C-alpha atoms as a PDB file:
ATOM      1  CA  MET A   1      45.081 -11.883 -10.816  1.00  0.00           C
ATOM      2  CA  ALA A   2      43.259 -12.384  -7.195  1.00  0.00           C
ATOM      3  CA  THR A   3      39.806 -12.955  -7.078  1.00  0.00           C
ATOM      4  CA  SER A   4      37.436 -11.676  -4.539  1.00  0.00           C
ATOM      5  CA  THR A   5      35.851 -14.032  -1.760  1.00  0.00           C
ATOM      6  CA  ASN A   6      33.171 -11.581  -0.975  1.00  0.00           C
ATOM      7  CA  SER A   7      29.904 -12.395  -3.777  1.00  0.00           C
ATOM      8  CA  SER A   8      27.902  -9.424  -2.210  1.00  0.00           C
ATOM      9  CA  SER A   9      28.728  -7.267  -4.815  1.00  0.00           C
ATOM     10  CA  THR A  10      27.734 -10.419  -7.376  1.00  0.00           C
ATOM     11  CA  THR A  11      24.469 -10.983  -6.448  1.00  0.00           C
ATOM     12  CA  THR A  12      21.232  -9.011  -5.977  1.00  0.00           C
ATOM     13  CA  THR A  13      18.588  -9.076  -3.630  1.00  0.00           C
ATOM     14  CA  ILE A  14      15.088 -10.589  -5.066  1.00  0.00           C
ATOM     15  CA  PRO A  15      13.110  -8.156  -3.626  1.00  0.00           C
ATOM     16  CA  ARG A  16      10.218 -10.127  -1.568  1.00  0.00           C
ATOM     17  CA  VAL A  17       6.528  -9.153  -0.614  1.00  0.00           C
ATOM     18  CA  ASP A  18       4.219 -10.908   1.957  1.00  0.00           C
ATOM     19  CA  THR A  19       1.000 -10.701   0.199  1.00  0.00           C
ATOM     20  CA  HIS A  20      -1.385 -11.829   2.684  1.00  0.00           C
ATOM     21  CA  LEU A  21       0.211  -8.702   4.488  1.00  0.00           C
ATOM     22  CA  ALA A  22      -0.852  -6.655   1.239  1.00  0.00           C
ATOM     23  CA  LYS A  23      -4.163  -8.325   1.650  1.00  0.00           C
ATOM     24  CA  PHE A  24      -4.363  -7.591   5.387  1.00  0.00           C
ATOM     25  CA  SER A  25      -3.287  -3.934   5.017  1.00  0.00           C
ATOM     26  CA  GLN A  26      -6.061  -3.686   2.130  1.00  0.00           C
ATOM     27  CA  ALA A  27      -8.694  -4.853   3.539  1.00  0.00           C
ATOM     28  CA  SER A  28      -7.932  -2.562   6.852  1.00  0.00           C
ATOM     29  CA  VAL A  29      -8.058   0.764   5.206  1.00  0.00           C
ATOM     30  CA  VAL A  30     -11.211  -0.987   2.658  1.00  0.00           C
ATOM     31  CA  VAL A  31     -12.943  -1.146   6.636  1.00  0.00           C
ATOM     32  CA  LEU A  32     -11.857   2.062   7.723  1.00  0.00           C
ATOM     33  CA  THR A  33     -12.642   4.554   5.068  1.00  0.00           C
ATOM     34  CA  ALA A  34     -16.298   2.757   4.653  1.00  0.00           C
ATOM     35  CA  LEU A  35     -16.460   3.006   8.203  1.00  0.00           C
ATOM     36  CA  ALA A  36     -15.292   6.616   8.291  1.00  0.00           C
ATOM     37  CA  PHE A  37     -18.035   7.280   5.671  1.00  0.00           C
ATOM     38  CA  LEU A  38     -20.957   5.048   6.969  1.00  0.00           C
ATOM     39  CA  LEU A  39     -20.428   7.115  10.259  1.00  0.00           C
ATOM     40  CA  ASN A  40     -20.060  10.563   9.036  1.00  0.00           C
ATOM     41  CA  GLN A  41     -16.506  10.691  10.760  1.00  0.00           C
ATOM     42  CA  PRO A  42     -13.416  12.799   9.670  1.00  0.00           C
ATOM     43  CA  ILE A  43     -11.119  11.575  11.911  1.00  0.00           C
ATOM     44  CA  ILE A  44     -11.383   8.076  10.593  1.00  0.00           C
ATOM     45  CA  VAL A  45     -10.571   9.416   7.740  1.00  0.00           C
ATOM     46  CA  ALA A  46      -7.387  11.328   9.489  1.00  0.00           C
ATOM     47  CA  ILE A  47      -6.050   8.329  11.517  1.00  0.00           C
ATOM     48  CA  THR A  48      -6.304   6.170   8.180  1.00  0.00           C
ATOM     49  CA  ALA A  49      -4.332   8.789   6.324  1.00  0.00           C
ATOM     50  CA  VAL A  50      -1.207   8.888   9.349  1.00  0.00           C
ATOM     51  CA  ILE A  51      -1.292   4.723   8.727  1.00  0.00           C
ATOM     52  CA  MET A  52      -1.245   4.975   5.565  1.00  0.00           C
ATOM     53  CA  ALA A  53       1.791   7.387   5.745  1.00  0.00           C
ATOM     54  CA  LEU A  54       3.277   5.749   7.925  1.00  0.00           C
ATOM     55  CA  SER A  55       3.274   2.325   5.438  1.00  0.00           C
ATOM     56  CA  ALA A  56       4.833   4.352   2.808  1.00  0.00           C
ATOM     57  CA  LEU A  57       7.117   5.968   4.147  1.00  0.00           C
ATOM     58  CA  ALA A  58       8.036   3.628   7.715  1.00  0.00           C
ATOM     59  CA  PRO A  59       7.054   0.748   6.529  1.00  0.00           C
ATOM     60  CA  ALA A  60       8.856  -1.372   9.513  1.00  0.00           C
ATOM     61  CA  ILE A  61       6.697   0.363  11.776  1.00  0.00           C
ATOM     62  CA  SER A  62       3.294   0.430   9.145  1.00  0.00           C
ATOM     63  CA  PRO A  63       0.444  -0.566  12.002  1.00  0.00           C
ATOM     64  CA  PHE A  64      -0.506  -3.094   9.217  1.00  0.00           C
ATOM     65  CA  ARG A  65       2.657  -4.997   9.472  1.00  0.00           C
ATOM     66  CA  LEU A  66       2.779  -4.592  13.499  1.00  0.00           C
ATOM     67  CA  LEU A  67      -1.079  -6.127  13.914  1.00  0.00           C
ATOM     68  CA  TYR A  68      -0.473  -8.416  11.642  1.00  0.00           C
ATOM     69  CA  ASN A  69       2.808  -9.976  12.541  1.00  0.00           C
ATOM     70  CA  GLY A  70       1.553  -8.852  16.390  1.00  0.00           C
ATOM     71  CA  VAL A  71      -1.607 -10.831  16.321  1.00  0.00           C
ATOM     72  CA  ILE A  72      -2.894 -12.052  12.851  1.00  0.00           C
ATOM     73  CA  ILE A  73       0.532 -14.344  12.464  1.00  0.00           C
ATOM     74  CA  PRO A  74       0.433 -16.037  16.687  1.00  0.00           C
ATOM     75  CA  LEU A  75      -3.316 -16.288  16.253  1.00  0.00           C
ATOM     76  CA  HIS A  76      -2.372 -18.462  12.766  1.00  0.00           C
ATOM     77  CA  ILE A  77      -5.489 -16.561  11.660  1.00  0.00           C
ATOM     78  CA  VAL A  78      -3.253 -16.088   7.383  1.00  0.00           C
ATOM     79  CA  LYS A  79       0.430 -17.187   7.289  1.00  0.00           C
ATOM     80  CA  PRO A  80       3.074 -15.430   5.456  1.00  0.00           C
ATOM     81  CA  ARG A  81       2.847 -16.098   1.741  1.00  0.00           C
ATOM     82  CA  ILE A  82       6.218 -14.886   0.284  1.00  0.00           C
ATOM     83  CA  VAL A  83       6.254 -13.750  -3.396  1.00  0.00           C
ATOM     84  CA  GLU A  84       8.837 -12.797  -5.186  1.00  0.00           C
ATOM     85  CA  ASP A  85       7.704  -9.314  -6.104  1.00  0.00           C
ATOM     86  CA  ASP A  86       9.486  -5.290  -6.107  1.00  0.00           C
ATOM     87  CA  PRO A  87       7.747  -3.234  -2.801  1.00  0.00           C
ATOM     88  CA  ALA A  88       8.177  -0.276  -4.297  1.00  0.00           C
ATOM     89  CA  PRO A  89       5.478   0.178  -6.402  1.00  0.00           C
ATOM     90  CA  HIS A  90       2.884  -0.891  -3.493  1.00  0.00           C
ATOM     91  CA  ARG A  91       4.981   1.602  -1.345  1.00  0.00           C
ATOM     92  CA  PHE A  92       3.663   3.703  -4.034  1.00  0.00           C
ATOM     93  CA  ALA A  93      -0.077   3.060  -4.100  1.00  0.00           C
ATOM     94  CA  GLN A  94       0.104   3.269  -0.484  1.00  0.00           C
ATOM     95  CA  GLY A  95       1.638   7.002  -0.822  1.00  0.00           C
ATOM     96  CA  VAL A  96      -0.796   8.010  -2.940  1.00  0.00           C
ATOM     97  CA  GLY A  97      -4.151   6.879  -1.036  1.00  0.00           C
ATOM     98  CA  ALA A  98      -2.332   8.667   1.789  1.00  0.00           C
ATOM     99  CA  THR A  99      -2.228  11.762  -0.297  1.00  0.00           C
ATOM    100  CA  PHE A 100      -6.014  11.225  -1.018  1.00  0.00           C
ATOM    101  CA  LEU A 101      -6.753  10.353   2.502  1.00  0.00           C
ATOM    102  CA  ILE A 102      -4.944  13.903   3.914  1.00  0.00           C
ATOM    103  CA  ALA A 103      -6.513  15.933   0.567  1.00  0.00           C
ATOM    104  CA  ALA A 104     -10.213  14.210   2.367  1.00  0.00           C
ATOM    105  CA  THR A 105      -9.373  15.178   5.826  1.00  0.00           C
ATOM    106  CA  LEU A 106      -8.322  18.567   5.256  1.00  0.00           C
ATOM    107  CA  VAL A 107     -11.058  19.380   2.651  1.00  0.00           C
ATOM    108  CA  LEU A 108     -13.907  17.196   5.659  1.00  0.00           C
ATOM    109  CA  TYR A 109     -12.075  19.502   8.613  1.00  0.00           C
ATOM    110  CA  LEU A 110     -11.373  23.420   6.558  1.00  0.00           C
ATOM    111  CA  THR A 111     -13.867  23.655   3.941  1.00  0.00           C
ATOM    112  CA  LYS A 112     -17.747  23.189   3.385  1.00  0.00           C
ATOM    113  CA  ALA A 113     -17.342  20.872   0.805  1.00  0.00           C
ATOM    114  CA  THR A 114     -17.773  17.701   2.278  1.00  0.00           C
ATOM    115  CA  PRO A 115     -18.766  16.123  -1.314  1.00  0.00           C
ATOM    116  CA  ILE A 116     -15.645  15.966  -1.967  1.00  0.00           C
ATOM    117  CA  GLY A 117     -13.607  15.229   1.341  1.00  0.00           C
ATOM    118  CA  TRP A 118     -16.454  11.983   1.233  1.00  0.00           C
ATOM    119  CA  ALA A 119     -15.355  11.457  -2.538  1.00  0.00           C
ATOM    120  CA  LEU A 120     -11.582  11.180  -1.915  1.00  0.00           C
ATOM    121  CA  ASP A 121     -12.219   9.042   1.466  1.00  0.00           C
ATOM    122  CA  LEU A 122     -14.661   6.947  -1.452  1.00  0.00           C
ATOM    123  CA  ILE A 123     -11.719   6.686  -4.259  1.00  0.00           C
ATOM    124  CA  VAL A 124      -9.426   5.413  -0.983  1.00  0.00           C
ATOM    125  CA  PHE A 125     -12.310   2.657  -0.655  1.00  0.00           C
ATOM    126  CA  VAL A 126     -13.139   1.803  -4.121  1.00  0.00           C
ATOM    127  CA  LEU A 127      -9.376   1.030  -5.105  1.00  0.00           C
ATOM    128  CA  ALA A 128      -8.065  -0.496  -1.989  1.00  0.00           C
ATOM    129  CA  GLY A 129     -11.639  -3.021  -2.962  1.00  0.00           C
ATOM    130  CA  ILE A 130     -10.359  -3.567  -6.364  1.00  0.00           C
ATOM    131  CA  ASN A 131      -7.080  -4.939  -5.190  1.00  0.00           C
ATOM    132  CA  LEU A 132      -8.132  -6.518  -2.399  1.00  0.00           C
ATOM    133  CA  THR A 133     -10.588  -8.590  -4.578  1.00  0.00           C
ATOM    134  CA  VAL A 134      -9.207  -8.663  -7.649  1.00  0.00           C
ATOM    135  CA  GLY A 135      -5.728  -8.216  -7.097  1.00  0.00           C
ATOM    136  CA  PHE A 136      -4.975  -4.993  -9.095  1.00  0.00           C
ATOM    137  CA  CYS A 137      -3.357  -2.359  -7.663  1.00  0.00           C
ATOM    138  CA  ALA A 138      -3.913   0.834  -9.152  1.00  0.00           C
ATOM    139  CA  GLY A 139      -1.169   2.192  -7.717  1.00  0.00           C
ATOM    140  CA  CYS A 140       1.000  -0.032  -8.910  1.00  0.00           C
ATOM    141  CA  PHE A 141       0.273   0.313 -12.358  1.00  0.00           C
ATOM    142  CA  VAL A 142       0.928   4.010 -12.091  1.00  0.00           C
ATOM    143  CA  TYR A 143       3.899   3.332 -10.870  1.00  0.00           C
ATOM    144  CA  TYR A 144       4.878   1.287 -13.495  1.00  0.00           C
ATOM    145  CA  HIS A 145       4.302   2.838 -16.058  1.00  0.00           C
ATOM    146  CA  LEU A 146       6.114   6.483 -14.798  1.00  0.00           C
ATOM    147  CA  GLY A 147       9.040   3.923 -14.161  1.00  0.00           C
ATOM    148  CA  ARG A 148       8.793   3.575 -18.064  1.00  0.00           C
ATOM    149  CA  LEU A 149       9.162   7.274 -18.461  1.00  0.00           C
ATOM    150  CA  GLY A 150      11.882   7.478 -16.659  1.00  0.00           C
ATOM    151  CA  LEU A 151       9.885   9.209 -13.143  1.00  0.00           C
ATOM    152  CA  LEU A 152      10.449   7.016 -10.759  1.00  0.00           C
ATOM    153  CA  PRO A 153      13.189   3.942 -10.595  1.00  0.00           C
ATOM    154  CA  ARG A 154      11.556   1.482 -12.664  1.00  0.00           C
ATOM    155  CA  VAL A 155      10.271  -2.316 -11.237  1.00  0.00           C
ATOM    156  CA  ARG A 156      13.281  -4.229  -9.569  1.00  0.00           C
ATOM    157  CA  TYR A 157      11.648  -7.567 -11.022  1.00  0.00           C
ATOM    158  CA  GLU A 158      11.203  -9.668 -14.724  1.00  0.00           C
ATOM    159  CA  GLY A 159       8.653  -8.506 -16.933  1.00  0.00           C
ATOM    160  CA  GLY A 160       7.542  -5.316 -15.214  1.00  0.00           C
ATOM    161  CA  PHE A 161       3.941  -4.523 -14.119  1.00  0.00           C
ATOM    162  CA  HIS A 162       1.970  -7.788 -13.719  1.00  0.00           C
ATOM    163  CA  TRP A 163      -1.348  -8.274 -12.552  1.00  0.00           C
ATOM    164  CA  ARG A 164      -1.520 -10.808  -9.934  1.00  0.00           C
ATOM    165  CA  GLY A 165      -5.012 -11.393  -9.924  1.00  0.00           C
ATOM    166  CA  VAL A 166      -6.365 -13.017  -6.532  1.00  0.00           C
END
């Protein structure tokens, strides 16, 4: 009986996330959504929506990641903190945030229901702020439970949903 020398089929890759990149992204979303509201500038909502959609759909070209890797890391403002974690729930959360901001943009530009548009913007502001300050990701929580119901893939680390805290 021959044994394969290729161990790639038997090893699994442990998913990892840079928590400092996540915090940088959350802080950026907080600042952008707050500025949009305070300055009454729907264009900032639209820009933030595009950035978050790119972050969710194409993480390698996420403007937050590019700024973090191209400026923040080289200036030694922070250094990466890589931990075992599944990036899928985080991308899901960014996608939900992007969806809310796309809806906010459409409401702000196409209707006279501006309070609803700003409420959608502020929901993203609050949820990103909670994630940034206390480490609870509401989108990750939803992803985990949808995975348990079989509606999304299950998380790829042992123990399921966990709240990292700050």
